[in-house]
Amino acid sequence: MNRNKGITLIVVIITVILLIILVGVTISFVGDGKIFNSAEDVVNKSEEQMNSHDQMVNDVRNMIEQ
């Protein structure tokens, strides 16, 4: 019975260590602004693609109307 309690304690300690590591990594990403910069880059690229697509659609419509 004591052996099971020892294994459970080890599992709890390992879990706490992993959580501390994950929190540290998350704080470093947020602190550097990598997550927010990446999101802004994605938004900008998608807006550029949408504008390009809209321009292509308008060009095709103009060609059809002529």
PDB file of N, CA and C in Angstrom:
ATOM      1  N   MET A   1       0.815  -1.190   0.000  1.00  0.00           N
ATOM      2  CA  MET A   1       0.000   0.000   0.000  1.00  0.00           C
ATOM      3  C   MET A   1       0.864   1.262   0.000  1.00  0.00           C
ATOM      4  N   ASN A   2       1.954   1.269   0.742  1.00  0.00           N
ATOM      5  CA  ASN A   2       2.833   2.423   0.781  1.00  0.00           C
ATOM      6  C   ASN A   2       3.466   2.690  -0.578  1.00  0.00           C
ATOM      7  N   ARG A   3       3.705   1.624  -1.334  1.00  0.00           N
ATOM      8  CA  ARG A   3       4.317   1.773  -2.644  1.00  0.00           C
ATOM      9  C   ARG A   3       3.386   2.543  -3.583  1.00  0.00           C
ATOM     10  N   ASN A   4       2.100   2.301  -3.549  1.00  0.00           N
ATOM     11  CA  ASN A   4       1.147   3.016  -4.391  1.00  0.00           C
ATOM     12  C   ASN A   4       1.116   4.498  -4.053  1.00  0.00           C
ATOM     13  N   LYS A   5       1.203   4.835  -2.781  1.00  0.00           N
ATOM     14  CA  LYS A   5       1.214   6.240  -2.381  1.00  0.00           C
ATOM     15  C   LYS A   5       2.478   6.924  -2.892  1.00  0.00           C
ATOM     16  N   GLY A   6       3.607   6.199  -2.890  1.00  0.00           N
ATOM     17  CA  GLY A   6       4.860   6.748  -3.394  1.00  0.00           C
ATOM     18  C   GLY A   6       4.789   7.041  -4.875  1.00  0.00           C
ATOM     19  N   ILE A   7       4.206   6.147  -5.641  1.00  0.00           N
ATOM     20  CA  ILE A   7       4.063   6.360  -7.084  1.00  0.00           C
ATOM     21  C   ILE A   7       3.137   7.534  -7.345  1.00  0.00           C
ATOM     22  N   THR A   8       2.078   7.649  -6.593  1.00  0.00           N
ATOM     23  CA  THR A   8       1.154   8.761  -6.767  1.00  0.00           C
ATOM     24  C   THR A   8       1.847  10.087  -6.468  1.00  0.00           C
ATOM     25  N   LEU A   9       2.665  10.125  -5.456  1.00  0.00           N
ATOM     26  CA  LEU A   9       3.398  11.337  -5.118  1.00  0.00           C
ATOM     27  C   LEU A   9       4.370  11.707  -6.228  1.00  0.00           C
ATOM     28  N   ILE A  10       5.034  10.725  -6.797  1.00  0.00           N
ATOM     29  CA  ILE A  10       5.959  10.979  -7.900  1.00  0.00           C
ATOM     30  C   ILE A  10       5.205  11.538  -9.098  1.00  0.00           C
ATOM     31  N   VAL A  11       4.050  10.984  -9.410  1.00  0.00           N
ATOM     32  CA  VAL A  11       3.243  11.461 -10.531  1.00  0.00           C
ATOM     33  C   VAL A  11       2.816  12.908 -10.298  1.00  0.00           C
ATOM     34  N   VAL A  12       2.419  13.237  -9.088  1.00  0.00           N
ATOM     35  CA  VAL A  12       2.018  14.605  -8.766  1.00  0.00           C
ATOM     36  C   VAL A  12       3.197  15.559  -8.938  1.00  0.00           C
ATOM     37  N   ILE A  13       4.361  15.162  -8.460  1.00  0.00           N
ATOM     38  CA  ILE A  13       5.548  16.022  -8.589  1.00  0.00           C
ATOM     39  C   ILE A  13       5.911  16.239 -10.051  1.00  0.00           C
ATOM     40  N   ILE A  14       5.876  15.187 -10.852  1.00  0.00           N
ATOM     41  CA  ILE A  14       6.179  15.310 -12.288  1.00  0.00           C
ATOM     42  C   ILE A  14       5.162  16.218 -12.963  1.00  0.00           C
ATOM     43  N   THR A  15       3.892  16.077 -12.622  1.00  0.00           N
ATOM     44  CA  THR A  15       2.843  16.919 -13.202  1.00  0.00           C
ATOM     45  C   THR A  15       3.063  18.380 -12.858  1.00  0.00           C
ATOM     46  N   VAL A  16       3.410  18.664 -11.623  1.00  0.00           N
ATOM     47  CA  VAL A  16       3.650  20.054 -11.213  1.00  0.00           C
ATOM     48  C   VAL A  16       4.848  20.628 -11.961  1.00  0.00           C
ATOM     49  N   ILE A  17       5.902  19.843 -12.117  1.00  0.00           N
ATOM     50  CA  ILE A  17       7.085  20.308 -12.855  1.00  0.00           C
ATOM     51  C   ILE A  17       6.733  20.612 -14.302  1.00  0.00           C
ATOM     52  N   LEU A  18       5.962  19.740 -14.941  1.00  0.00           N
ATOM     53  CA  LEU A  18       5.550  19.976 -16.328  1.00  0.00           C
ATOM     54  C   LEU A  18       4.690  21.231 -16.447  1.00  0.00           C
ATOM     55  N   LEU A  19       3.799  21.437 -15.504  1.00  0.00           N
ATOM     56  CA  LEU A  19       2.969  22.640 -15.530  1.00  0.00           C
ATOM     57  C   LEU A  19       3.810  23.902 -15.370  1.00  0.00           C
ATOM     58  N   ILE A  20       4.802  23.858 -14.517  1.00  0.00           N
ATOM     59  CA  ILE A  20       5.691  25.015 -14.337  1.00  0.00           C
ATOM     60  C   ILE A  20       6.448  25.309 -15.631  1.00  0.00           C
ATOM     61  N   ILE A  21       6.914  24.259 -16.304  1.00  0.00           N
ATOM     62  CA  ILE A  21       7.614  24.446 -17.581  1.00  0.00           C
ATOM     63  C   ILE A  21       6.682  25.049 -18.618  1.00  0.00           C
ATOM     64  N   LEU A  22       5.458  24.540 -18.716  1.00  0.00           N
ATOM     65  CA  LEU A  22       4.502  25.066 -19.690  1.00  0.00           C
ATOM     66  C   LEU A  22       4.147  26.521 -19.412  1.00  0.00           C
ATOM     67  N   VAL A  23       3.989  26.869 -18.156  1.00  0.00           N
ATOM     68  CA  VAL A  23       3.693  28.255 -17.800  1.00  0.00           C
ATOM     69  C   VAL A  23       4.860  29.160 -18.192  1.00  0.00           C
ATOM     70  N   GLY A  24       6.069  28.698 -17.946  1.00  0.00           N
ATOM     71  CA  GLY A  24       7.247  29.482 -18.313  1.00  0.00           C
ATOM     72  C   GLY A  24       7.340  29.712 -19.804  1.00  0.00           C
ATOM     73  N   VAL A  25       7.081  28.684 -20.596  1.00  0.00           N
ATOM     74  CA  VAL A  25       7.119  28.823 -22.058  1.00  0.00           C
ATOM     75  C   VAL A  25       6.029  29.761 -22.529  1.00  0.00           C
ATOM     76  N   THR A  26       4.841  29.630 -21.978  1.00  0.00           N
ATOM     77  CA  THR A  26       3.728  30.494 -22.367  1.00  0.00           C
ATOM     78  C   THR A  26       4.025  31.951 -22.046  1.00  0.00           C
ATOM     79  N   ILE A  27       4.557  32.204 -20.879  1.00  0.00           N
ATOM     80  CA  ILE A  27       4.884  33.579 -20.495  1.00  0.00           C
ATOM     81  C   ILE A  27       5.953  34.151 -21.420  1.00  0.00           C
ATOM     82  N   SER A  28       6.920  33.341 -21.809  1.00  0.00           N
ATOM     83  CA  SER A  28       7.968  33.847 -22.690  1.00  0.00           C
ATOM     84  C   SER A  28       7.406  34.180 -24.070  1.00  0.00           C
ATOM     85  N   PHE A  29       6.478  33.376 -24.585  1.00  0.00           N
ATOM     86  CA  PHE A  29       5.873  33.673 -25.878  1.00  0.00           C
ATOM     87  C   PHE A  29       5.031  34.942 -25.821  1.00  0.00           C
ATOM     88  N   VAL A  30       4.235  35.079 -24.784  1.00  0.00           N
ATOM     89  CA  VAL A  30       3.383  36.253 -24.649  1.00  0.00           C
ATOM     90  C   VAL A  30       4.239  37.489 -24.386  1.00  0.00           C
ATOM     91  N   GLY A  31       5.275  37.337 -23.588  1.00  0.00           N
ATOM     92  CA  GLY A  31       6.153  38.452 -23.270  1.00  0.00           C
ATOM     93  C   GLY A  31       6.888  38.977 -24.491  1.00  0.00           C
ATOM     94  N   ASP A  32       7.293  38.074 -25.380  1.00  0.00           N
ATOM     95  CA  ASP A  32       7.989  38.482 -26.597  1.00  0.00           C
ATOM     96  C   ASP A  32       7.029  39.003 -27.648  1.00  0.00           C
ATOM     97  N   GLY A  33       5.761  38.751 -27.473  1.00  0.00           N
ATOM     98  CA  GLY A  33       4.766  39.200 -28.439  1.00  0.00           C
ATOM     99  C   GLY A  33       4.707  38.323 -29.673  1.00  0.00           C
ATOM    100  N   LYS A  34       5.302  37.138 -29.611  1.00  0.00           N
ATOM    101  CA  LYS A  34       5.321  36.271 -30.790  1.00  0.00           C
ATOM    102  C   LYS A  34       3.924  35.844 -31.203  1.00  0.00           C
ATOM    103  N   ILE A  35       3.096  35.546 -30.230  1.00  0.00           N
ATOM    104  CA  ILE A  35       1.744  35.079 -30.550  1.00  0.00           C
ATOM    105  C   ILE A  35       0.949  36.194 -31.217  1.00  0.00           C
ATOM    106  N   PHE A  36       1.002  37.396 -30.639  1.00  0.00           N
ATOM    107  CA  PHE A  36       0.219  38.501 -31.183  1.00  0.00           C
ATOM    108  C   PHE A  36       0.774  38.968 -32.517  1.00  0.00           C
ATOM    109  N   ASN A  37       2.092  38.964 -32.663  1.00  0.00           N
ATOM    110  CA  ASN A  37       2.679  39.349 -33.943  1.00  0.00           C
ATOM    111  C   ASN A  37       2.304  38.359 -35.025  1.00  0.00           C
ATOM    112  N   SER A  38       2.292  37.088 -34.693  1.00  0.00           N
ATOM    113  CA  SER A  38       1.908  36.067 -35.661  1.00  0.00           C
ATOM    114  C   SER A  38       0.452  36.248 -36.080  1.00  0.00           C
ATOM    115  N   ALA A  39      -0.400  36.533 -35.129  1.00  0.00           N
ATOM    116  CA  ALA A  39      -1.815  36.737 -35.449  1.00  0.00           C
ATOM    117  C   ALA A  39      -1.998  37.957 -36.344  1.00  0.00           C
ATOM    118  N   GLU A  40      -1.277  39.032 -36.066  1.00  0.00           N
ATOM    119  CA  GLU A  40      -1.374  40.227 -36.900  1.00  0.00           C
ATOM    120  C   GLU A  40      -0.869  39.942 -38.314  1.00  0.00           C
ATOM    121  N   ASP A  41       0.207  39.174 -38.424  1.00  0.00           N
ATOM    122  CA  ASP A  41       0.730  38.819 -39.742  1.00  0.00           C
ATOM    123  C   ASP A  41      -0.293  38.014 -40.543  1.00  0.00           C
ATOM    124  N   VAL A  42      -0.949  37.086 -39.880  1.00  0.00           N
ATOM    125  CA  VAL A  42      -1.953  36.262 -40.560  1.00  0.00           C
ATOM    126  C   VAL A  42      -3.122  37.130 -41.034  1.00  0.00           C
ATOM    127  N   VAL A  43      -3.556  38.055 -40.192  1.00  0.00           N
ATOM    128  CA  VAL A  43      -4.660  38.942 -40.565  1.00  0.00           C
ATOM    129  C   VAL A  43      -4.263  39.792 -41.763  1.00  0.00           C
ATOM    130  N   ASN A  44      -3.059  40.341 -41.738  1.00  0.00           N
ATOM    131  CA  ASN A  44      -2.603  41.181 -42.848  1.00  0.00           C
ATOM    132  C   ASN A  44      -2.499  40.392 -44.141  1.00  0.00           C
ATOM    133  N   LYS A  45      -1.960  39.190 -44.073  1.00  0.00           N
ATOM    134  CA  LYS A  45      -1.830  38.367 -45.274  1.00  0.00           C
ATOM    135  C   LYS A  45      -3.193  37.972 -45.821  1.00  0.00           C
ATOM    136  N   SER A  46      -4.133  37.653 -44.931  1.00  0.00           N
ATOM    137  CA  SER A  46      -5.459  37.266 -45.415  1.00  0.00           C
ATOM    138  C   SER A  46      -6.176  38.455 -46.052  1.00  0.00           C
ATOM    139  N   GLU A  47      -5.987  39.650 -45.493  1.00  0.00           N
ATOM    140  CA  GLU A  47      -6.587  40.844 -46.098  1.00  0.00           C
ATOM    141  C   GLU A  47      -5.984  41.108 -47.471  1.00  0.00           C
ATOM    142  N   GLU A  48      -4.670  40.922 -47.612  1.00  0.00           N
ATOM    143  CA  GLU A  48      -4.028  41.096 -48.910  1.00  0.00           C
ATOM    144  C   GLU A  48      -4.578  40.101 -49.925  1.00  0.00           C
ATOM    145  N   GLN A  49      -4.749  38.866 -49.493  1.00  0.00           N
ATOM    146  CA  GLN A  49      -5.284  37.841 -50.391  1.00  0.00           C
ATOM    147  C   GLN A  49      -6.722  38.151 -50.799  1.00  0.00           C
ATOM    148  N   MET A  50      -7.520  38.635 -49.848  1.00  0.00           N
ATOM    149  CA  MET A  50      -8.904  38.982 -50.167  1.00  0.00           C
ATOM    150  C   MET A  50      -8.951  40.137 -51.162  1.00  0.00           C
ATOM    151  N   ASN A  51      -8.097  41.139 -50.971  1.00  0.00           N
ATOM    152  CA  ASN A  51      -8.056  42.260 -51.910  1.00  0.00           C
ATOM    153  C   ASN A  51      -7.615  41.807 -53.290  1.00  0.00           C
ATOM    154  N   SER A  52      -6.629  40.931 -53.336  1.00  0.00           N
ATOM    155  CA  SER A  52      -6.165  40.396 -54.613  1.00  0.00           C
ATOM    156  C   SER A  52      -7.278  39.605 -55.300  1.00  0.00           C
ATOM    157  N   HIS A  53      -7.984  38.817 -54.531  1.00  0.00           N
ATOM    158  CA  HIS A  53      -9.085  38.024 -55.083  1.00  0.00           C
ATOM    159  C   HIS A  53     -10.191  38.935 -55.607  1.00  0.00           C
ATOM    160  N   ASP A  54     -10.539  39.954 -54.842  1.00  0.00           N
ATOM    161  CA  ASP A  54     -11.565  40.902 -55.277  1.00  0.00           C
ATOM    162  C   ASP A  54     -11.160  41.588 -56.575  1.00  0.00           C
ATOM    163  N   GLN A  55      -9.881  41.947 -56.688  1.00  0.00           N
ATOM    164  CA  GLN A  55      -9.404  42.598 -57.911  1.00  0.00           C
ATOM    165  C   GLN A  55      -9.498  41.649 -59.100  1.00  0.00           C
ATOM    166  N   MET A  56      -9.160  40.394 -58.891  1.00  0.00           N
ATOM    167  CA  MET A  56      -9.258  39.417 -59.976  1.00  0.00           C
ATOM    168  C   MET A  56     -10.705  39.220 -60.405  1.00  0.00           C
ATOM    169  N   VAL A  57     -11.615  39.147 -59.445  1.00  0.00           N
ATOM    170  CA  VAL A  57     -13.033  38.982 -59.766  1.00  0.00           C
ATOM    171  C   VAL A  57     -13.538  40.186 -60.554  1.00  0.00           C
ATOM    172  N   ASN A  58     -13.153  41.372 -60.127  1.00  0.00           N
ATOM    173  CA  ASN A  58     -13.568  42.576 -60.858  1.00  0.00           C
ATOM    174  C   ASN A  58     -13.000  42.600 -62.264  1.00  0.00           C
ATOM    175  N   ASP A  59     -11.764  42.171 -62.447  1.00  0.00           N
ATOM    176  CA  ASP A  59     -11.166  42.123 -63.780  1.00  0.00           C
ATOM    177  C   ASP A  59     -11.916  41.155 -64.683  1.00  0.00           C
ATOM    178  N   VAL A  60     -12.282  40.009 -64.146  1.00  0.00           N
ATOM    179  CA  VAL A  60     -13.014  39.026 -64.941  1.00  0.00           C
ATOM    180  C   VAL A  60     -14.405  39.556 -65.284  1.00  0.00           C
ATOM    181  N   ARG A  61     -15.065  40.212 -64.342  1.00  0.00           N
ATOM    182  CA  ARG A  61     -16.383  40.790 -64.631  1.00  0.00           C
ATOM    183  C   ARG A  61     -16.282  41.832 -65.739  1.00  0.00           C
ATOM    184  N   ASN A  62     -15.251  42.668 -65.673  1.00  0.00           N
ATOM    185  CA  ASN A  62     -15.073  43.681 -66.716  1.00  0.00           C
ATOM    186  C   ASN A  62     -14.826  43.041 -68.069  1.00  0.00           C
ATOM    187  N   MET A  63     -14.065  41.968 -68.091  1.00  0.00           N
ATOM    188  CA  MET A  63     -13.807  41.273 -69.360  1.00  0.00           C
ATOM    189  C   MET A  63     -15.099  40.677 -69.912  1.00  0.00           C
ATOM    190  N   ILE A  64     -15.929  40.134 -69.063  1.00  0.00           N
ATOM    191  CA  ILE A  64     -17.177  39.518 -69.500  1.00  0.00           C
ATOM    192  C   ILE A  64     -18.141  40.584 -70.027  1.00  0.00           C
ATOM    193  N   GLU A  65     -18.195  41.725 -69.363  1.00  0.00           N
ATOM    194  CA  GLU A  65     -19.114  42.783 -69.762  1.00  0.00           C
ATOM    195  C   GLU A  65     -18.734  43.432 -71.079  1.00  0.00           C
ATOM    196  N   GLN A  66     -17.495  43.337 -71.479  1.00  0.00           N
ATOM    197  CA  GLN A  66     -17.052  43.975 -72.732  1.00  0.00           C
ATOM    198  C   GLN A  66     -17.447  43.207 -73.927  1.00  0.00           C
TER     199      GLN A  66
END
